[in-house]
PDB file of N, CA and C in Angstrom:
ATOM      1  N   MET A   1     122.419 165.875  95.978  1.00  0.00           N
ATOM      2  CA  MET A   1     123.065 164.575  95.861  1.00  0.00           C
ATOM      3  C   MET A   1     122.283 163.574  96.704  1.00  0.00           C
ATOM      4  N   GLY A   2     121.966 162.425  96.119  1.00  0.00           N
ATOM      5  CA  GLY A   2     121.190 161.411  96.825  1.00  0.00           C
ATOM      6  C   GLY A   2     122.045 160.645  97.804  1.00  0.00           C
ATOM      7  N   ASP A   3     121.380 160.073  98.766  1.00  0.00           N
ATOM      8  CA  ASP A   3     122.085 159.291  99.783  1.00  0.00           C
ATOM      9  C   ASP A   3     122.220 157.854  99.291  1.00  0.00           C
ATOM     10  N   MET A   4     123.306 157.538  98.607  1.00  0.00           N
ATOM     11  CA  MET A   4     123.523 156.214  98.020  1.00  0.00           C
ATOM     12  C   MET A   4     124.130 155.236  99.017  1.00  0.00           C
ATOM     13  N   SER A   5     124.583 155.749 100.163  1.00  0.00           N
ATOM     14  CA  SER A   5     125.248 154.868 101.112  1.00  0.00           C
ATOM     15  C   SER A   5     124.262 154.185 102.064  1.00  0.00           C
ATOM     16  N   THR A   6     122.995 154.553 102.029  1.00  0.00           N
ATOM     17  CA  THR A   6     122.016 153.949 102.932  1.00  0.00           C
ATOM     18  C   THR A   6     121.668 152.552 102.438  1.00  0.00           C
ATOM     19  N   PRO A   7     121.906 151.536 103.244  1.00  0.00           N
ATOM     20  CA  PRO A   7     121.575 150.172 102.804  1.00  0.00           C
ATOM     21  C   PRO A   7     120.064 149.941 102.832  1.00  0.00           C
ATOM     22  N   MET A   8     119.597 149.053 101.954  1.00  0.00           N
ATOM     23  CA  MET A   8     118.186 148.695 101.957  1.00  0.00           C
ATOM     24  C   MET A   8     117.949 147.737 103.109  1.00  0.00           C
ATOM     25  N   HIS A   9     116.913 147.966 103.830  1.00  0.00           N
ATOM     26  CA  HIS A   9     116.581 147.083 104.944  1.00  0.00           C
ATOM     27  C   HIS A   9     115.681 145.963 104.461  1.00  0.00           C
ATOM     28  N   LEU A  10     115.639 144.869 105.197  1.00  0.00           N
ATOM     29  CA  LEU A  10     114.806 143.741 104.818  1.00  0.00           C
ATOM     30  C   LEU A  10     113.333 144.112 104.792  1.00  0.00           C
ATOM     31  N   ASN A  11     112.918 145.026 105.639  1.00  0.00           N
ATOM     32  CA  ASN A  11     111.521 145.460 105.640  1.00  0.00           C
ATOM     33  C   ASN A  11     111.170 146.151 104.324  1.00  0.00           C
ATOM     34  N   ASP A  12     112.126 146.925 103.784  1.00  0.00           N
ATOM     35  CA  ASP A  12     111.892 147.582 102.502  1.00  0.00           C
ATOM     36  C   ASP A  12     111.748 146.554 101.388  1.00  0.00           C
ATOM     37  N   LEU A  13     112.582 145.521 101.423  1.00  0.00           N
ATOM     38  CA  LEU A  13     112.502 144.469 100.407  1.00  0.00           C
ATOM     39  C   LEU A  13     111.193 143.704 100.507  1.00  0.00           C
ATOM     40  N   ALA A  14     110.767 143.412 101.728  1.00  0.00           N
ATOM     41  CA  ALA A  14     109.527 142.674 101.921  1.00  0.00           C
ATOM     42  C   ALA A  14     108.332 143.489 101.451  1.00  0.00           C
ATOM     43  N   SER A  15     108.316 144.784 101.744  1.00  0.00           N
ATOM     44  CA  SER A  15     107.195 145.611 101.305  1.00  0.00           C
ATOM     45  C   SER A  15     107.196 145.767  99.786  1.00  0.00           C
ATOM     46  N   ALA A  16     108.371 145.804  99.172  1.00  0.00           N
ATOM     47  CA  ALA A  16     108.448 145.888  97.705  1.00  0.00           C
ATOM     48  C   ALA A  16     107.956 144.594  97.069  1.00  0.00           C
ATOM     49  N   ALA A  17     108.263 143.466  97.691  1.00  0.00           N
ATOM     50  CA  ALA A  17     107.822 142.177  97.159  1.00  0.00           C
ATOM     51  C   ALA A  17     106.313 142.033  97.273  1.00  0.00           C
ATOM     52  N   LEU A  18     105.736 142.562  98.343  1.00  0.00           N
ATOM     53  CA  LEU A  18     104.289 142.473  98.525  1.00  0.00           C
ATOM     54  C   LEU A  18     103.538 143.446  97.637  1.00  0.00           C
ATOM     55  N   ALA A  19     104.225 144.441  97.081  1.00  0.00           N
ATOM     56  CA  ALA A  19     103.576 145.438  96.239  1.00  0.00           C
ATOM     57  C   ALA A  19     103.208 144.871  94.867  1.00  0.00           C
ATOM     58  N   TYR A  20     103.861 143.800  94.429  1.00  0.00           N
ATOM     59  CA  TYR A  20     103.552 143.206  93.136  1.00  0.00           C
ATOM     60  C   TYR A  20     102.209 142.505  93.201  1.00  0.00           C
ATOM     61  N   ASP A  21     101.421 142.640  92.137  1.00  0.00           N
ATOM     62  CA  ASP A  21     100.134 141.956  92.053  1.00  0.00           C
ATOM     63  C   ASP A  21     100.394 140.558  91.509  1.00  0.00           C
ATOM     64  N   LYS A  22     100.162 139.557  92.320  1.00  0.00           N
ATOM     65  CA  LYS A  22     100.465 138.177  91.927  1.00  0.00           C
ATOM     66  C   LYS A  22      99.611 137.717  90.757  1.00  0.00           C
ATOM     67  N   ALA A  23      98.455 138.326  90.546  1.00  0.00           N
ATOM     68  CA  ALA A  23      97.595 137.942  89.429  1.00  0.00           C
ATOM     69  C   ALA A  23      98.176 138.405  88.096  1.00  0.00           C
ATOM     70  N   LYS A  24      99.061 139.389  88.113  1.00  0.00           N
ATOM     71  CA  LYS A  24      99.625 139.930  86.877  1.00  0.00           C
ATOM     72  C   LYS A  24     100.946 139.286  86.497  1.00  0.00           C
ATOM     73  N   VAL A  25     101.501 138.466  87.345  1.00  0.00           N
ATOM     74  CA  VAL A  25     102.780 137.832  87.063  1.00  0.00           C
ATOM     75  C   VAL A  25     102.531 136.596  86.209  1.00  0.00           C
ATOM     76  N   THR A  26     103.096 136.573  85.014  1.00  0.00           N
ATOM     77  CA  THR A  26     102.930 135.451  84.094  1.00  0.00           C
ATOM     78  C   THR A  26     104.295 134.983  83.614  1.00  0.00           C
ATOM     79  N   PRO A  27     104.384 133.753  83.130  1.00  0.00           N
ATOM     80  CA  PRO A  27     105.673 133.265  82.637  1.00  0.00           C
ATOM     81  C   PRO A  27     106.116 133.974  81.362  1.00  0.00           C
ATOM     82  N   GLY A  28     105.203 134.512  80.592  1.00  0.00           N
ATOM     83  CA  GLY A  28     105.562 135.281  79.407  1.00  0.00           C
ATOM     84  C   GLY A  28     106.029 134.420  78.251  1.00  0.00           C
ATOM     85  N   LEU A  29     106.614 135.077  77.288  1.00  0.00           N
ATOM     86  CA  LEU A  29     107.053 134.412  76.067  1.00  0.00           C
ATOM     87  C   LEU A  29     108.183 133.412  76.339  1.00  0.00           C
ATOM     88  N   LEU A  30     109.117 133.783  77.196  1.00  0.00           N
ATOM     89  CA  LEU A  30     110.242 132.887  77.493  1.00  0.00           C
ATOM     90  C   LEU A  30     109.750 131.587  78.128  1.00  0.00           C
ATOM     91  N   GLY A  31     108.810 131.681  79.040  1.00  0.00           N
ATOM     92  CA  GLY A  31     108.249 130.475  79.663  1.00  0.00           C
ATOM     93  C   GLY A  31     107.569 129.587  78.640  1.00  0.00           C
ATOM     94  N   PHE A  32     106.836 130.193  77.711  1.00  0.00           N
ATOM     95  CA  PHE A  32     106.177 129.411  76.666  1.00  0.00           C
ATOM     96  C   PHE A  32     107.191 128.735  75.761  1.00  0.00           C
ATOM     97  N   VAL A  33     108.230 129.452  75.373  1.00  0.00           N
ATOM     98  CA  VAL A  33     109.248 128.891  74.472  1.00  0.00           C
ATOM     99  C   VAL A  33     109.962 127.722  75.147  1.00  0.00           C
ATOM    100  N   VAL A  34     110.304 127.869  76.417  1.00  0.00           N
ATOM    101  CA  VAL A  34     110.976 126.779  77.145  1.00  0.00           C
ATOM    102  C   VAL A  34     110.053 125.578  77.254  1.00  0.00           C
ATOM    103  N   PHE A  35     108.780 125.807  77.598  1.00  0.00           N
ATOM    104  CA  PHE A  35     107.823 124.713  77.709  1.00  0.00           C
ATOM    105  C   PHE A  35     107.625 124.012  76.373  1.00  0.00           C
ATOM    106  N   ALA A  36     107.517 124.773  75.289  1.00  0.00           N
ATOM    107  CA  ALA A  36     107.342 124.183  73.966  1.00  0.00           C
ATOM    108  C   ALA A  36     108.577 123.378  73.559  1.00  0.00           C
ATOM    109  N   ALA A  37     109.771 123.888  73.864  1.00  0.00           N
ATOM    110  CA  ALA A  37     111.001 123.152  73.534  1.00  0.00           C
ATOM    111  C   ALA A  37     111.079 121.834  74.300  1.00  0.00           C
ATOM    112  N   LEU A  38     110.693 121.857  75.569  1.00  0.00           N
ATOM    113  CA  LEU A  38     110.686 120.613  76.348  1.00  0.00           C
ATOM    114  C   LEU A  38     109.660 119.624  75.803  1.00  0.00           C
ATOM    115  N   ALA A  39     108.500 120.122  75.394  1.00  0.00           N
ATOM    116  CA  ALA A  39     107.471 119.238  74.835  1.00  0.00           C
ATOM    117  C   ALA A  39     107.937 118.612  73.526  1.00  0.00           C
ATOM    118  N   ILE A  40     108.571 119.402  72.661  1.00  0.00           N
ATOM    119  CA  ILE A  40     109.067 118.875  71.379  1.00  0.00           C
ATOM    120  C   ILE A  40     110.187 117.869  71.616  1.00  0.00           C
ATOM    121  N   ALA A  41     111.094 118.163  72.545  1.00  0.00           N
ATOM    122  CA  ALA A  41     112.180 117.222  72.845  1.00  0.00           C
ATOM    123  C   ALA A  41     111.616 115.912  73.398  1.00  0.00           C
ATOM    124  N   THR A  42     110.603 116.007  74.248  1.00  0.00           N
ATOM    125  CA  THR A  42     109.979 114.794  74.796  1.00  0.00           C
ATOM    126  C   THR A  42     109.329 113.989  73.685  1.00  0.00           C
ATOM    127  N   TRP A  43     108.668 114.658  72.751  1.00  0.00           N
ATOM    128  CA  TRP A  43     108.025 113.965  71.641  1.00  0.00           C
ATOM    129  C   TRP A  43     109.063 113.208  70.804  1.00  0.00           C
ATOM    130  N   PHE A  44     110.208 113.862  70.512  1.00  0.00           N
ATOM    131  CA  PHE A  44     111.262 113.190  69.742  1.00  0.00           C
ATOM    132  C   PHE A  44     111.851 112.010  70.520  1.00  0.00           C
ATOM    133  N   LEU A  45     112.026 112.157  71.833  1.00  0.00           N
ATOM    134  CA  LEU A  45     112.564 111.054  72.636  1.00  0.00           C
ATOM    135  C   LEU A  45     111.611 109.865  72.663  1.00  0.00           C
ATOM    136  N   VAL A  46     110.326 110.105  72.794  1.00  0.00           N
ATOM    137  CA  VAL A  46     109.340 109.015  72.797  1.00  0.00           C
ATOM    138  C   VAL A  46     109.304 108.339  71.437  1.00  0.00           C
ATOM    139  N   LYS A  47     109.368 109.139  70.374  1.00  0.00           N
ATOM    140  CA  LYS A  47     109.386 108.580  69.022  1.00  0.00           C
ATOM    141  C   LYS A  47     110.618 107.690  68.817  1.00  0.00           C
ATOM    142  N   SER A  48     111.769 108.154  69.283  1.00  0.00           N
ATOM    143  CA  SER A  48     113.002 107.366  69.162  1.00  0.00           C
ATOM    144  C   SER A  48     112.928 106.105  70.011  1.00  0.00           C
ATOM    145  N   MET A  49     112.360 106.212  71.215  1.00  0.00           N
ATOM    146  CA  MET A  49     112.241 105.043  72.090  1.00  0.00           C
ATOM    147  C   MET A  49     111.357 103.981  71.445  1.00  0.00           C
ATOM    148  N   ASN A  50     110.239 104.392  70.852  1.00  0.00           N
ATOM    149  CA  ASN A  50     109.360 103.438  70.194  1.00  0.00           C
ATOM    150  C   ASN A  50     110.055 102.775  69.013  1.00  0.00           C
ATOM    151  N   LYS A  51     110.879 103.520  68.300  1.00  0.00           N
ATOM    152  CA  LYS A  51     111.634 102.960  67.184  1.00  0.00           C
ATOM    153  C   LYS A  51     112.636 101.908  67.690  1.00  0.00           C
ATOM    154  N   GLN A  52     113.306 102.222  68.804  1.00  0.00           N
ATOM    155  CA  GLN A  52     114.271 101.272  69.363  1.00  0.00           C
ATOM    156  C   GLN A  52     113.581 100.015  69.882  1.00  0.00           C
ATOM    157  N   PHE A  53     112.419 100.178  70.513  1.00  0.00           N
ATOM    158  CA  PHE A  53     111.672  99.005  70.984  1.00  0.00           C
ATOM    159  C   PHE A  53     111.218  98.138  69.818  1.00  0.00           C
ATOM    160  N   GLY A  54     110.929  98.761  68.696  1.00  0.00           N
ATOM    161  CA  GLY A  54     110.528  98.004  67.513  1.00  0.00           C
ATOM    162  C   GLY A  54     111.661  97.146  66.968  1.00  0.00           C
ATOM    163  N   ARG A  55     112.886  97.538  67.195  1.00  0.00           N
ATOM    164  CA  ARG A  55     114.052  96.789  66.707  1.00  0.00           C
ATOM    165  C   ARG A  55     114.393  95.592  67.585  1.00  0.00           C
ATOM    166  N   VAL A  56     113.849  95.566  68.776  1.00  0.00           N
ATOM    167  CA  VAL A  56     114.177  94.475  69.693  1.00  0.00           C
ATOM    168  C   VAL A  56     113.527  93.198  69.186  1.00  0.00           C
ATOM    169  N   ASN A  57     114.329  92.164  69.040  1.00  0.00           N
ATOM    170  CA  ASN A  57     113.838  90.866  68.598  1.00  0.00           C
ATOM    171  C   ASN A  57     114.207  89.862  69.675  1.00  0.00           C
ATOM    172  N   PHE A  58     113.278  89.590  70.562  1.00  0.00           N
ATOM    173  CA  PHE A  58     113.562  88.706  71.687  1.00  0.00           C
ATOM    174  C   PHE A  58     112.633  87.516  71.611  1.00  0.00           C
ATOM    175  N   THR A  59     113.230  86.360  71.403  1.00  0.00           N
ATOM    176  CA  THR A  59     112.451  85.122  71.452  1.00  0.00           C
ATOM    177  C   THR A  59     113.071  84.264  72.529  1.00  0.00           C
ATOM    178  N   GLU A  60     112.265  83.880  73.477  1.00  0.00           N
ATOM    179  CA  GLU A  60     112.764  83.077  74.587  1.00  0.00           C
ATOM    180  C   GLU A  60     112.838  81.614  74.148  1.00  0.00           C
ATOM    181  N   GLU A  61     114.018  81.050  74.309  1.00  0.00           N
ATOM    182  CA  GLU A  61     114.196  79.653  73.934  1.00  0.00           C
ATOM    183  C   GLU A  61     114.081  78.799  75.198  1.00  0.00           C
ATOM    184  N   PRO A  62     113.563  77.596  75.037  1.00  0.00           N
ATOM    185  CA  PRO A  62     113.465  76.731  76.219  1.00  0.00           C
ATOM    186  C   PRO A  62     114.855  76.379  76.747  1.00  0.00           C
ATOM    187  N   GLU A  63     114.937  76.242  78.047  1.00  0.00           N
ATOM    188  CA  GLU A  63     116.205  75.937  78.689  1.00  0.00           C
ATOM    189  C   GLU A  63     116.628  74.507  78.341  1.00  0.00           C
ATOM    190  N   GLN A  64     117.911  74.362  77.999  1.00  0.00           N
ATOM    191  CA  GLN A  64     118.437  73.045  77.649  1.00  0.00           C
ATOM    192  C   GLN A  64     118.628  72.228  78.916  1.00  0.00           C
ATOM    193  N   PRO A  65     118.177  70.987  78.934  1.00  0.00           N
ATOM    194  CA  PRO A  65     118.420  70.145  80.126  1.00  0.00           C
ATOM    195  C   PRO A  65     119.903  69.826  80.256  1.00  0.00           C
ATOM    196  N   LYS A  66     120.376  69.787  81.500  1.00  0.00           N
ATOM    197  CA  LYS A  66     121.790  69.465  81.744  1.00  0.00           C
ATOM    198  C   LYS A  66     121.974  67.961  81.714  1.00  0.00           C
ATOM    199  N   ASP A  67     123.027  67.552  81.036  1.00  0.00           N
ATOM    200  CA  ASP A  67     123.328  66.100  80.949  1.00  0.00           C
ATOM    201  C   ASP A  67     124.033  65.595  82.147  1.00  0.00           C
TER     202      ASP A  67
END
């Protein structure tokens, strides 16, 4: 029977964290999908913003003198 009651010490956690090769850690497919979704959403927002700016019709009229 294994000793399941022994708590993990912080030194064990630190050594386990240092055991990972940082060069092999990549964002993977999920990171790419999230990045692509953000890029597509940004593209649609910019397209919509340009459409809204095109609808703006602002002509400055000269100020009327006060009588």
